[in-house]
PDB file of N, CA and C in Angstrom:
ATOM      1  N   MET A   1     -78.045 -38.280 -17.023  1.00  0.00           N
ATOM      2  CA  MET A   1     -76.718 -37.794 -18.196  1.00  0.00           C
ATOM      3  C   MET A   1     -76.505 -36.081 -18.614  1.00  0.00           C
ATOM      4  N   LYS A   2     -77.312 -36.138 -19.116  1.00  0.00           N
ATOM      5  CA  LYS A   2     -77.717 -34.853 -19.137  1.00  0.00           C
ATOM      6  C   LYS A   2     -77.052 -33.127 -18.502  1.00  0.00           C
ATOM      7  N   LYS A   3     -77.788 -33.707 -17.542  1.00  0.00           N
ATOM      8  CA  LYS A   3     -77.229 -33.169 -16.383  1.00  0.00           C
ATOM      9  C   LYS A   3     -75.375 -32.873 -15.688  1.00  0.00           C
ATOM     10  N   VAL A   4     -75.212 -34.045 -15.781  1.00  0.00           N
ATOM     11  CA  VAL A   4     -74.368 -34.409 -14.995  1.00  0.00           C
ATOM     12  C   VAL A   4     -72.863 -33.638 -16.368  1.00  0.00           C
ATOM     13  N   ARG A   5     -73.159 -33.679 -17.950  1.00  0.00           N
ATOM     14  CA  ARG A   5     -72.416 -32.989 -19.246  1.00  0.00           C
ATOM     15  C   ARG A   5     -72.573 -31.788 -18.922  1.00  0.00           C
ATOM     16  N   GLN A   6     -73.211 -31.270 -18.638  1.00  0.00           N
ATOM     17  CA  GLN A   6     -73.694 -29.682 -18.633  1.00  0.00           C
ATOM     18  C   GLN A   6     -72.893 -29.355 -17.418  1.00  0.00           C
ATOM     19  N   LEU A   7     -73.090 -29.804 -16.435  1.00  0.00           N
ATOM     20  CA  LEU A   7     -72.895 -29.686 -15.253  1.00  0.00           C
ATOM     21  C   LEU A   7     -70.694 -29.498 -15.313  1.00  0.00           C
ATOM     22  N   LEU A   8     -70.408 -30.574 -16.206  1.00  0.00           N
ATOM     23  CA  LEU A   8     -69.744 -30.890 -16.472  1.00  0.00           C
ATOM     24  C   LEU A   8     -68.472 -29.574 -18.028  1.00  0.00           C
ATOM     25  N   ALA A   9     -69.039 -29.066 -18.285  1.00  0.00           N
ATOM     26  CA  ALA A   9     -69.010 -28.179 -18.982  1.00  0.00           C
ATOM     27  C   ALA A   9     -69.589 -26.854 -18.380  1.00  0.00           C
ATOM     28  N   ILE A  10     -70.166 -26.537 -17.838  1.00  0.00           N
ATOM     29  CA  ILE A  10     -69.705 -25.101 -16.455  1.00  0.00           C
ATOM     30  C   ILE A  10     -68.242 -25.094 -15.886  1.00  0.00           C
ATOM     31  N   ILE A  11     -67.979 -26.004 -15.306  1.00  0.00           N
ATOM     32  CA  ILE A  11     -67.075 -26.160 -14.762  1.00  0.00           C
ATOM     33  C   ILE A  11     -65.446 -26.122 -14.982  1.00  0.00           C
ATOM     34  N   GLY A  12     -65.751 -26.622 -16.979  1.00  0.00           N
ATOM     35  CA  GLY A  12     -64.925 -26.670 -17.395  1.00  0.00           C
ATOM     36  C   GLY A  12     -64.071 -25.238 -18.361  1.00  0.00           C
ATOM     37  N   VAL A  13     -65.379 -24.732 -18.645  1.00  0.00           N
ATOM     38  CA  VAL A  13     -65.636 -23.235 -18.672  1.00  0.00           C
ATOM     39  C   VAL A  13     -65.091 -22.731 -18.125  1.00  0.00           C
ATOM     40  N   VAL A  14     -65.370 -22.145 -16.716  1.00  0.00           N
ATOM     41  CA  VAL A  14     -64.846 -21.506 -15.407  1.00  0.00           C
ATOM     42  C   VAL A  14     -63.381 -22.038 -15.277  1.00  0.00           C
ATOM     43  N   LEU A  15     -63.337 -23.211 -15.519  1.00  0.00           N
ATOM     44  CA  LEU A  15     -61.929 -23.021 -15.335  1.00  0.00           C
ATOM     45  C   LEU A  15     -60.480 -22.618 -15.722  1.00  0.00           C
ATOM     46  N   LEU A  16     -61.735 -23.098 -17.503  1.00  0.00           N
ATOM     47  CA  LEU A  16     -60.432 -21.617 -18.570  1.00  0.00           C
ATOM     48  C   LEU A  16     -60.597 -20.643 -18.210  1.00  0.00           C
ATOM     49  N   VAL A  17     -61.474 -19.548 -18.517  1.00  0.00           N
ATOM     50  CA  VAL A  17     -61.889 -18.512 -18.740  1.00  0.00           C
ATOM     51  C   VAL A  17     -61.356 -17.785 -16.880  1.00  0.00           C
ATOM     52  N   GLY A  18     -60.726 -18.881 -15.038  1.00  0.00           N
ATOM     53  CA  GLY A  18     -59.865 -18.184 -15.219  1.00  0.00           C
ATOM     54  C   GLY A  18     -58.363 -18.422 -15.099  1.00  0.00           C
ATOM     55  N   LEU A  19     -58.218 -19.239 -16.150  1.00  0.00           N
ATOM     56  CA  LEU A  19     -56.848 -19.183 -16.354  1.00  0.00           C
ATOM     57  C   LEU A  19     -56.539 -18.369 -17.108  1.00  0.00           C
ATOM     58  N   TYR A  20     -57.736 -18.633 -17.909  1.00  0.00           N
ATOM     59  CA  TYR A  20     -57.380 -16.608 -19.038  1.00  0.00           C
ATOM     60  C   TYR A  20     -57.242 -15.190 -18.157  1.00  0.00           C
ATOM     61  N   VAL A  21     -57.916 -14.936 -16.983  1.00  0.00           N
ATOM     62  CA  VAL A  21     -57.983 -14.215 -16.559  1.00  0.00           C
ATOM     63  C   VAL A  21     -56.904 -13.449 -16.399  1.00  0.00           C
ATOM     64  N   THR A  22     -56.376 -15.179 -15.435  1.00  0.00           N
ATOM     65  CA  THR A  22     -55.636 -14.596 -14.680  1.00  0.00           C
ATOM     66  C   THR A  22     -53.649 -14.117 -15.162  1.00  0.00           C
ATOM     67  N   THR A  23     -53.924 -15.633 -16.778  1.00  0.00           N
ATOM     68  CA  THR A  23     -52.830 -14.809 -17.334  1.00  0.00           C
ATOM     69  C   THR A  23     -52.603 -14.035 -17.569  1.00  0.00           C
ATOM     70  N   ILE A  24     -53.861 -12.952 -18.335  1.00  0.00           N
ATOM     71  CA  ILE A  24     -53.842 -11.117 -19.111  1.00  0.00           C
ATOM     72  C   ILE A  24     -53.763 -10.355 -17.330  1.00  0.00           C
ATOM     73  N   VAL A  25     -53.766 -10.344 -16.574  1.00  0.00           N
ATOM     74  CA  VAL A  25     -53.843  -9.896 -15.108  1.00  0.00           C
ATOM     75  C   VAL A  25     -51.839 -10.012 -14.842  1.00  0.00           C
ATOM     76  N   PHE A  26     -50.912 -10.446 -14.411  1.00  0.00           N
ATOM     77  CA  PHE A  26     -49.455 -11.431 -14.243  1.00  0.00           C
ATOM     78  C   PHE A  26     -49.669 -10.728 -15.663  1.00  0.00           C
ATOM     79  N   ALA A  27     -50.004 -10.695 -17.076  1.00  0.00           N
ATOM     80  CA  ALA A  27     -49.139  -9.718 -18.189  1.00  0.00           C
ATOM     81  C   ALA A  27     -49.233  -8.676 -18.098  1.00  0.00           C
ATOM     82  N   LEU A  28     -50.162  -7.356 -17.455  1.00  0.00           N
ATOM     83  CA  LEU A  28     -50.519  -6.873 -17.348  1.00  0.00           C
ATOM     84  C   LEU A  28     -49.936  -6.346 -16.640  1.00  0.00           C
ATOM     85  N   LEU A  29     -49.505  -6.797 -15.523  1.00  0.00           N
ATOM     86  CA  LEU A  29     -48.900  -6.621 -13.587  1.00  0.00           C
ATOM     87  C   LEU A  29     -47.549  -6.897 -14.795  1.00  0.00           C
ATOM     88  N   ASP A  30     -46.861  -7.093 -15.624  1.00  0.00           N
ATOM     89  CA  ASP A  30     -45.404  -7.436 -16.090  1.00  0.00           C
ATOM     90  C   ASP A  30     -44.861  -8.482 -14.791  1.00  0.00           C
ATOM     91  N   ASP A  31     -45.383  -9.779 -14.521  1.00  0.00           N
ATOM     92  CA  ASP A  31     -44.585 -10.909 -13.285  1.00  0.00           C
ATOM     93  C   ASP A  31     -44.356 -11.986 -14.497  1.00  0.00           C
ATOM     94  N   PRO A  32     -42.938 -11.544 -13.238  1.00  0.00           N
ATOM     95  CA  PRO A  32     -42.171 -12.706 -14.323  1.00  0.00           C
ATOM     96  C   PRO A  32     -43.010 -14.185 -14.371  1.00  0.00           C
ATOM     97  N   ARG A  33     -43.772 -14.251 -13.483  1.00  0.00           N
ATOM     98  CA  ARG A  33     -44.945 -16.281 -13.844  1.00  0.00           C
ATOM     99  C   ARG A  33     -45.472 -16.001 -15.011  1.00  0.00           C
ATOM    100  N   THR A  34     -45.681 -14.678 -15.759  1.00  0.00           N
ATOM    101  CA  THR A  34     -46.372 -14.688 -16.866  1.00  0.00           C
ATOM    102  C   THR A  34     -46.429 -15.989 -18.312  1.00  0.00           C
ATOM    103  N   PHE A  35     -45.273 -15.916 -18.058  1.00  0.00           N
ATOM    104  CA  PHE A  35     -45.453 -16.897 -19.576  1.00  0.00           C
ATOM    105  C   PHE A  35     -45.177 -18.384 -18.643  1.00  0.00           C
ATOM    106  N   HIS A  36     -45.295 -18.952 -17.326  1.00  0.00           N
ATOM    107  CA  HIS A  36     -45.895 -20.338 -17.012  1.00  0.00           C
ATOM    108  C   HIS A  36     -47.243 -20.067 -17.031  1.00  0.00           C
ATOM    109  N   PHE A  37     -48.276 -18.949 -16.264  1.00  0.00           N
ATOM    110  CA  PHE A  37     -49.302 -19.236 -16.552  1.00  0.00           C
ATOM    111  C   PHE A  37     -49.762 -19.311 -18.031  1.00  0.00           C
ATOM    112  N   LEU A  38     -49.190 -18.467 -18.728  1.00  0.00           N
ATOM    113  CA  LEU A  38     -49.036 -18.654 -20.360  1.00  0.00           C
ATOM    114  C   LEU A  38     -49.327 -20.671 -20.963  1.00  0.00           C
ATOM    115  N   GLY A  39     -48.616 -21.122 -20.768  1.00  0.00           N
ATOM    116  CA  GLY A  39     -48.117 -22.260 -20.729  1.00  0.00           C
ATOM    117  C   GLY A  39     -49.148 -23.096 -20.444  1.00  0.00           C
ATOM    118  N   ALA A  40     -49.372 -22.919 -19.136  1.00  0.00           N
ATOM    119  CA  ALA A  40     -50.195 -24.018 -18.738  1.00  0.00           C
ATOM    120  C   ALA A  40     -52.138 -23.115 -18.708  1.00  0.00           C
ATOM    121  N   SER A  41     -52.309 -21.766 -19.368  1.00  0.00           N
ATOM    122  CA  SER A  41     -53.572 -21.720 -19.897  1.00  0.00           C
ATOM    123  C   SER A  41     -53.843 -22.553 -20.842  1.00  0.00           C
ATOM    124  N   ILE A  42     -52.447 -22.267 -22.513  1.00  0.00           N
ATOM    125  CA  ILE A  42     -52.344 -22.803 -23.446  1.00  0.00           C
ATOM    126  C   ILE A  42     -52.735 -24.435 -22.971  1.00  0.00           C
ATOM    127  N   ALA A  43     -51.650 -25.132 -22.660  1.00  0.00           N
ATOM    128  CA  ALA A  43     -51.875 -26.597 -21.767  1.00  0.00           C
ATOM    129  C   ALA A  43     -53.248 -27.357 -21.227  1.00  0.00           C
ATOM    130  N   ALA A  44     -53.902 -26.410 -20.741  1.00  0.00           N
ATOM    131  CA  ALA A  44     -55.897 -26.452 -20.367  1.00  0.00           C
ATOM    132  C   ALA A  44     -57.020 -26.220 -21.285  1.00  0.00           C
ATOM    133  N   THR A  45     -56.484 -25.843 -22.847  1.00  0.00           N
ATOM    134  CA  THR A  45     -57.065 -25.288 -23.892  1.00  0.00           C
ATOM    135  C   THR A  45     -56.993 -27.083 -24.294  1.00  0.00           C
ATOM    136  N   VAL A  46     -56.576 -27.667 -24.308  1.00  0.00           N
ATOM    137  CA  VAL A  46     -56.894 -29.110 -24.637  1.00  0.00           C
ATOM    138  C   VAL A  46     -56.593 -29.941 -23.871  1.00  0.00           C
ATOM    139  N   ILE A  47     -56.151 -29.918 -22.559  1.00  0.00           N
ATOM    140  CA  ILE A  47     -56.566 -30.568 -21.816  1.00  0.00           C
ATOM    141  C   ILE A  47     -58.178 -31.562 -21.324  1.00  0.00           C
ATOM    142  N   ILE A  48     -58.426 -29.644 -20.554  1.00  0.00           N
ATOM    143  CA  ILE A  48     -59.810 -29.588 -19.952  1.00  0.00           C
ATOM    144  C   ILE A  48     -60.684 -29.819 -19.820  1.00  0.00           C
ATOM    145  N   PRO A  49     -61.064 -29.520 -21.631  1.00  0.00           N
ATOM    146  CA  PRO A  49     -61.614 -30.210 -22.932  1.00  0.00           C
ATOM    147  C   PRO A  49     -62.080 -32.221 -23.462  1.00  0.00           C
ATOM    148  N   VAL A  50     -60.484 -32.618 -22.843  1.00  0.00           N
ATOM    149  CA  VAL A  50     -60.334 -34.089 -23.294  1.00  0.00           C
ATOM    150  C   VAL A  50     -60.732 -34.712 -22.126  1.00  0.00           C
ATOM    151  N   MET A  51     -60.337 -33.772 -20.850  1.00  0.00           N
ATOM    152  CA  MET A  51     -60.928 -34.774 -19.532  1.00  0.00           C
ATOM    153  C   MET A  51     -61.862 -35.033 -19.759  1.00  0.00           C
ATOM    154  N   ILE A  52     -63.092 -34.326 -20.042  1.00  0.00           N
ATOM    155  CA  ILE A  52     -64.357 -33.785 -19.942  1.00  0.00           C
ATOM    156  C   ILE A  52     -64.966 -34.614 -21.014  1.00  0.00           C
ATOM    157  N   TRP A  53     -64.326 -34.663 -21.659  1.00  0.00           N
ATOM    158  CA  TRP A  53     -65.226 -35.771 -22.852  1.00  0.00           C
ATOM    159  C   TRP A  53     -65.413 -37.427 -22.250  1.00  0.00           C
ATOM    160  N   VAL A  54     -63.460 -37.378 -21.602  1.00  0.00           N
ATOM    161  CA  VAL A  54     -63.451 -38.551 -21.192  1.00  0.00           C
ATOM    162  C   VAL A  54     -64.744 -38.849 -20.167  1.00  0.00           C
ATOM    163  N   ILE A  55     -64.356 -37.642 -19.247  1.00  0.00           N
ATOM    164  CA  ILE A  55     -64.988 -38.582 -18.048  1.00  0.00           C
ATOM    165  C   ILE A  55     -67.051 -38.114 -18.794  1.00  0.00           C
ATOM    166  N   GLY A  56     -67.334 -38.023 -19.440  1.00  0.00           N
ATOM    167  CA  GLY A  56     -68.589 -38.495 -19.824  1.00  0.00           C
ATOM    168  C   GLY A  56     -69.202 -39.377 -20.700  1.00  0.00           C
ATOM    169  N   ILE A  57     -67.507 -40.086 -21.307  1.00  0.00           N
ATOM    170  CA  ILE A  57     -68.028 -41.854 -21.887  1.00  0.00           C
ATOM    171  C   ILE A  57     -68.238 -42.243 -20.524  1.00  0.00           C
ATOM    172  N   PHE A  58     -67.129 -42.631 -19.122  1.00  0.00           N
ATOM    173  CA  PHE A  58     -67.174 -42.615 -18.419  1.00  0.00           C
ATOM    174  C   PHE A  58     -68.560 -42.843 -17.335  1.00  0.00           C
ATOM    175  N   VAL A  59     -68.315 -41.947 -17.284  1.00  0.00           N
ATOM    176  CA  VAL A  59     -70.512 -41.445 -16.941  1.00  0.00           C
ATOM    177  C   VAL A  59     -71.705 -42.547 -17.756  1.00  0.00           C
ATOM    178  N   LYS A  60     -71.194 -42.608 -19.395  1.00  0.00           N
ATOM    179  CA  LYS A  60     -72.289 -42.544 -20.719  1.00  0.00           C
ATOM    180  C   LYS A  60     -72.061 -44.517 -20.015  1.00  0.00           C
ATOM    181  N   MET A  61     -70.947 -44.870 -19.782  1.00  0.00           N
ATOM    182  CA  MET A  61     -70.376 -46.340 -19.522  1.00  0.00           C
ATOM    183  C   MET A  61     -70.922 -47.413 -18.575  1.00  0.00           C
ATOM    184  N   ASN A  62     -70.931 -45.792 -17.226  1.00  0.00           N
ATOM    185  CA  ASN A  62     -71.699 -47.010 -16.118  1.00  0.00           C
ATOM    186  C   ASN A  62     -73.174 -46.638 -16.505  1.00  0.00           C
ATOM    187  N   LYS A  63     -73.841 -45.400 -16.674  1.00  0.00           N
ATOM    188  CA  LYS A  63     -75.401 -45.875 -17.363  1.00  0.00           C
ATOM    189  C   LYS A  63     -75.614 -47.117 -17.362  1.00  0.00           C
ATOM    190  N   LYS A  64     -75.657 -48.074 -18.764  1.00  0.00           N
ATOM    191  CA  LYS A  64     -75.273 -48.525 -19.610  1.00  0.00           C
ATOM    192  C   LYS A  64     -75.133 -49.825 -18.420  1.00  0.00           C
ATOM    193  N   GLU A  65     -74.487 -50.076 -17.602  1.00  0.00           N
ATOM    194  CA  GLU A  65     -73.973 -51.213 -16.772  1.00  0.00           C
ATOM    195  C   GLU A  65     -75.766 -51.849 -15.519  1.00  0.00           C
ATOM    196  N   GLU A  66     -75.803 -50.240 -14.949  1.00  0.00           N
ATOM    197  CA  GLU A  66     -76.799 -49.646 -13.995  1.00  0.00           C
ATOM    198  C   GLU A  66     -77.804 -50.929 -14.534  1.00  0.00           C
TER     199      GLU A  66
END
């Protein structure tokens, strides 16, 4: 259980950092897609941790049934 949660947390951190770096790079390059990446980064900042939390709950429920 602990390993699964750690793995999910690491994946979430990598995804979020990747989105933030992408947003900063495109902003520095003055790309017109910058606002789309900014919107995706803001949404992912909320959605990814919530999804990790939900997956953790399902994993915990599945462990109790086994």
